[in-house]
């Protein structure tokens, strides 16, 4: 199956609520690779790649986020596949 990649920016009350660790757990469960990090503007940014259905499923889950998060928006843009081997939390 061909791989796709997306850059995602999640806004709302998404920092300090275990959003990054939750995203990593969700991605690994779906077989999605990439990274997630907090941004200085209070959002969470991610690069996700994998099979189209798995990437779409992860992005759908990001609209809700973990318990304690309040997601106000999810912006998604196409990105270049980097062929990353795992999903990591970046600092």
N, C-alpha and C. Protein backbone atom coordinates (compact mmCIF):
# COMPACT_ATOMS: atom_id res chain seq x y z
N UNK A 1 0.84 -1.18 0.00
CA UNK A 1 0.00 0.00 0.00
C UNK A 1 0.88 1.25 0.00
N UNK A 2 0.49 2.25 -0.76
CA UNK A 2 1.27 3.49 -0.76
C UNK A 2 1.12 4.25 0.56
N UNK A 3 2.19 4.93 0.94
CA UNK A 3 2.17 5.73 2.16
C UNK A 3 1.84 7.17 1.83
N UNK A 4 1.14 7.83 2.77
CA UNK A 4 0.88 9.26 2.65
C UNK A 4 1.41 9.93 3.91
N UNK A 5 1.55 11.24 3.85
CA UNK A 5 2.00 12.01 5.01
C UNK A 5 1.16 13.27 5.14
N UNK A 6 0.92 13.65 6.37
CA UNK A 6 0.14 14.85 6.66
C UNK A 6 0.80 15.61 7.82
N UNK A 7 0.76 16.95 7.73
CA UNK A 7 1.15 17.80 8.85
C UNK A 7 -0.15 18.23 9.51
N UNK A 8 -0.17 18.15 10.83
CA UNK A 8 -1.39 18.43 11.57
C UNK A 8 -1.08 19.44 12.67
N UNK A 9 -2.00 20.38 12.85
CA UNK A 9 -1.91 21.36 13.94
C UNK A 9 -3.23 21.30 14.70
N UNK A 10 -3.14 21.01 16.00
CA UNK A 10 -4.32 20.89 16.84
C UNK A 10 -4.33 22.07 17.81
N UNK A 11 -5.45 22.80 17.84
CA UNK A 11 -5.57 23.96 18.71
C UNK A 11 -6.63 23.71 19.77
N UNK A 12 -6.55 24.49 20.84
CA UNK A 12 -7.48 24.39 21.95
C UNK A 12 -6.69 24.20 23.23
N UNK A 13 -7.31 23.58 24.22
CA UNK A 13 -6.62 23.25 25.46
C UNK A 13 -5.98 21.89 25.27
N UNK A 14 -4.79 21.88 24.65
CA UNK A 14 -4.17 20.62 24.22
C UNK A 14 -2.75 20.43 24.78
N UNK A 15 -2.28 21.35 25.57
CA UNK A 15 -0.98 21.17 26.22
C UNK A 15 -1.19 20.97 27.71
N UNK A 16 -0.38 20.11 28.31
CA UNK A 16 -0.50 19.83 29.74
C UNK A 16 -1.61 18.84 30.07
N UNK A 17 -2.10 18.13 29.05
CA UNK A 17 -3.19 17.16 29.25
C UNK A 17 -2.82 15.80 28.68
N UNK A 18 -1.51 15.54 28.57
CA UNK A 18 -0.98 14.26 28.03
C UNK A 18 -1.33 14.03 26.57
N UNK A 19 -1.55 15.11 25.83
CA UNK A 19 -1.94 14.99 24.42
C UNK A 19 -0.86 14.29 23.60
N UNK A 20 0.40 14.64 23.83
CA UNK A 20 1.48 14.05 23.03
C UNK A 20 1.62 12.55 23.28
N UNK A 21 1.61 12.16 24.54
CA UNK A 21 1.74 10.74 24.88
C UNK A 21 0.54 9.95 24.34
N UNK A 22 -0.64 10.54 24.45
CA UNK A 22 -1.85 9.89 23.93
C UNK A 22 -1.76 9.74 22.41
N UNK A 23 -1.30 10.77 21.73
CA UNK A 23 -1.16 10.71 20.28
C UNK A 23 -0.18 9.62 19.87
N UNK A 24 0.94 9.54 20.59
CA UNK A 24 1.93 8.49 20.31
C UNK A 24 1.31 7.11 20.47
N UNK A 25 0.56 6.90 21.53
CA UNK A 25 -0.09 5.61 21.77
C UNK A 25 -1.08 5.27 20.65
N UNK A 26 -1.87 6.25 20.26
CA UNK A 26 -2.86 6.04 19.19
C UNK A 26 -2.16 5.71 17.87
N UNK A 27 -1.10 6.47 17.55
CA UNK A 27 -0.37 6.26 16.30
C UNK A 27 0.26 4.88 16.24
N UNK A 28 0.91 4.50 17.33
CA UNK A 28 1.56 3.19 17.35
C UNK A 28 0.54 2.07 17.19
N UNK A 29 -0.62 2.21 17.81
CA UNK A 29 -1.67 1.22 17.68
C UNK A 29 -2.20 1.07 16.27
N UNK A 30 -2.13 2.16 15.51
CA UNK A 30 -2.61 2.16 14.12
C UNK A 30 -1.50 1.86 13.11
N UNK A 31 -0.26 1.76 13.58
CA UNK A 31 0.86 1.53 12.67
C UNK A 31 1.29 2.78 11.92
N UNK A 32 1.02 3.95 12.50
CA UNK A 32 1.38 5.23 11.89
C UNK A 32 2.71 5.68 12.48
N UNK A 33 3.58 6.21 11.65
CA UNK A 33 4.86 6.73 12.11
C UNK A 33 4.85 8.26 12.03
N UNK A 34 5.86 8.87 12.67
CA UNK A 34 5.96 10.32 12.63
C UNK A 34 6.39 10.88 13.96
N UNK A 35 5.89 12.07 14.29
CA UNK A 35 6.25 12.74 15.54
C UNK A 35 5.16 13.70 15.95
N UNK A 36 5.20 14.09 17.23
CA UNK A 36 4.28 15.07 17.78
C UNK A 36 5.06 15.95 18.75
N UNK A 37 4.73 17.25 18.80
CA UNK A 37 5.42 18.16 19.71
C UNK A 37 4.51 19.33 20.08
N UNK A 38 4.80 19.95 21.21
CA UNK A 38 4.11 21.18 21.60
C UNK A 38 4.72 22.33 20.80
N UNK A 39 3.87 23.25 20.39
CA UNK A 39 4.33 24.45 19.70
C UNK A 39 4.30 25.63 20.67
N UNK A 40 5.09 26.64 20.39
CA UNK A 40 5.17 27.79 21.29
C UNK A 40 3.87 28.58 21.36
N UNK A 41 2.99 28.43 20.37
CA UNK A 41 1.72 29.16 20.37
C UNK A 41 0.62 28.45 21.16
N UNK A 42 0.95 27.34 21.83
CA UNK A 42 -0.03 26.61 22.62
C UNK A 42 -0.71 25.47 21.89
N UNK A 43 -0.41 25.32 20.61
CA UNK A 43 -0.99 24.22 19.84
C UNK A 43 -0.09 22.99 19.93
N UNK A 44 -0.56 21.90 19.37
CA UNK A 44 0.25 20.69 19.22
C UNK A 44 0.40 20.44 17.73
N UNK A 45 1.63 20.18 17.30
CA UNK A 45 1.90 19.92 15.89
C UNK A 45 2.38 18.49 15.72
N UNK A 46 2.05 17.90 14.58
CA UNK A 46 2.45 16.52 14.32
C UNK A 46 2.72 16.31 12.85
N UNK A 47 3.59 15.36 12.58
CA UNK A 47 3.81 14.83 11.23
C UNK A 47 3.41 13.37 11.33
N UNK A 48 2.43 12.96 10.54
CA UNK A 48 1.95 11.58 10.59
C UNK A 48 2.04 10.98 9.19
N UNK A 49 2.49 9.72 9.13
CA UNK A 49 2.57 9.06 7.84
C UNK A 49 2.31 7.57 7.98
N UNK A 50 1.79 7.03 6.90
CA UNK A 50 1.46 5.61 6.88
C UNK A 50 0.42 5.35 5.80
N UNK A 51 -0.27 4.22 5.92
CA UNK A 51 -1.33 3.91 4.97
C UNK A 51 -2.46 4.92 5.14
N UNK A 52 -3.09 5.29 4.03
CA UNK A 52 -4.08 6.36 4.04
C UNK A 52 -5.18 6.15 5.08
N UNK A 53 -5.72 4.94 5.17
CA UNK A 53 -6.80 4.68 6.13
C UNK A 53 -6.35 4.87 7.56
N UNK A 54 -5.13 4.44 7.89
CA UNK A 54 -4.62 4.57 9.25
C UNK A 54 -4.36 6.04 9.59
N UNK A 55 -3.80 6.79 8.66
CA UNK A 55 -3.56 8.22 8.87
C UNK A 55 -4.89 8.94 9.08
N UNK A 56 -5.87 8.63 8.25
CA UNK A 56 -7.19 9.25 8.38
C UNK A 56 -7.83 8.92 9.73
N UNK A 57 -7.66 7.70 10.19
CA UNK A 57 -8.23 7.30 11.47
C UNK A 57 -7.55 8.04 12.62
N UNK A 58 -6.24 8.20 12.55
CA UNK A 58 -5.54 8.96 13.60
C UNK A 58 -6.01 10.40 13.60
N UNK A 59 -6.11 11.01 12.44
CA UNK A 59 -6.55 12.41 12.37
C UNK A 59 -7.97 12.55 12.92
N UNK A 60 -8.84 11.58 12.64
CA UNK A 60 -10.18 11.61 13.22
C UNK A 60 -10.11 11.60 14.75
N UNK A 61 -9.25 10.77 15.30
CA UNK A 61 -9.11 10.68 16.76
C UNK A 61 -8.57 11.97 17.35
N UNK A 62 -7.72 12.68 16.61
CA UNK A 62 -7.16 13.94 17.10
C UNK A 62 -8.24 15.00 17.29
N UNK A 63 -9.36 14.89 16.59
CA UNK A 63 -10.46 15.83 16.76
C UNK A 63 -11.06 15.77 18.17
N UNK A 64 -10.94 14.62 18.83
CA UNK A 64 -11.44 14.48 20.20
C UNK A 64 -10.31 14.60 21.21
N UNK A 65 -9.17 13.99 20.93
CA UNK A 65 -8.04 14.02 21.85
C UNK A 65 -8.28 13.18 23.08
N UNK A 66 -7.34 13.22 24.01
CA UNK A 66 -7.46 12.42 25.22
C UNK A 66 -8.44 13.07 26.21
N UNK A 67 -8.84 12.31 27.24
CA UNK A 67 -9.66 12.93 28.29
C UNK A 67 -8.91 14.12 28.88
N UNK A 68 -9.60 15.20 29.12
CA UNK A 68 -8.97 16.39 29.68
C UNK A 68 -8.62 17.43 28.63
N UNK A 69 -8.53 17.04 27.37
CA UNK A 69 -8.23 17.99 26.29
C UNK A 69 -9.53 18.59 25.77
N UNK A 70 -9.43 19.83 25.30
CA UNK A 70 -10.53 20.49 24.60
C UNK A 70 -10.01 20.92 23.24
N UNK A 71 -10.35 20.16 22.21
CA UNK A 71 -9.87 20.44 20.86
C UNK A 71 -10.81 21.44 20.20
N UNK A 72 -10.24 22.56 19.76
CA UNK A 72 -11.03 23.58 19.07
C UNK A 72 -10.87 23.50 17.57
N UNK A 73 -9.73 23.03 17.09
CA UNK A 73 -9.52 22.94 15.65
C UNK A 73 -8.41 21.97 15.29
N UNK A 74 -8.53 21.38 14.12
CA UNK A 74 -7.51 20.48 13.59
C UNK A 74 -7.27 20.89 12.14
N UNK A 75 -6.09 21.43 11.88
CA UNK A 75 -5.71 21.82 10.52
C UNK A 75 -4.81 20.74 9.95
N UNK A 76 -5.10 20.32 8.72
CA UNK A 76 -4.36 19.23 8.09
C UNK A 76 -3.86 19.70 6.73
N UNK A 77 -2.60 19.40 6.43
CA UNK A 77 -2.01 19.73 5.13
C UNK A 77 -1.20 18.54 4.64
N UNK A 78 -1.16 18.37 3.34
CA UNK A 78 -0.34 17.30 2.77
C UNK A 78 1.13 17.58 3.07
N UNK A 79 1.90 16.51 3.19
CA UNK A 79 3.32 16.64 3.47
C UNK A 79 4.09 15.58 2.70
N UNK A 80 5.40 15.67 2.76
CA UNK A 80 6.28 14.73 2.07
C UNK A 80 6.52 13.53 2.98
N UNK A 81 6.43 12.34 2.43
CA UNK A 81 6.70 11.12 3.18
C UNK A 81 8.19 11.07 3.50
N UNK A 82 8.51 10.96 4.78
CA UNK A 82 9.90 10.93 5.23
C UNK A 82 10.39 9.52 5.52
N UNK A 83 9.52 8.53 5.44
CA UNK A 83 9.84 7.13 5.70
C UNK A 83 10.39 6.92 7.12
N UNK A 84 9.74 7.59 8.08
CA UNK A 84 10.14 7.43 9.47
C UNK A 84 9.79 6.02 9.94
N UNK A 85 10.57 5.50 10.88
CA UNK A 85 10.41 4.11 11.31
C UNK A 85 9.56 3.95 12.55
N UNK A 86 9.31 5.03 13.31
CA UNK A 86 8.50 4.93 14.52
C UNK A 86 7.79 6.26 14.74
N UNK A 87 6.96 6.30 15.77
CA UNK A 87 6.29 7.54 16.15
C UNK A 87 6.87 8.00 17.47
N UNK A 88 7.33 9.25 17.52
CA UNK A 88 8.01 9.74 18.72
C UNK A 88 7.45 11.08 19.18
N UNK A 89 7.60 11.32 20.47
CA UNK A 89 7.29 12.63 21.05
C UNK A 89 8.56 13.45 20.98
N UNK A 90 8.45 14.62 20.39
CA UNK A 90 9.60 15.53 20.30
C UNK A 90 9.43 16.67 21.28
N UNK A 91 10.56 17.19 21.77
CA UNK A 91 10.53 18.28 22.76
C UNK A 91 11.17 19.52 22.19
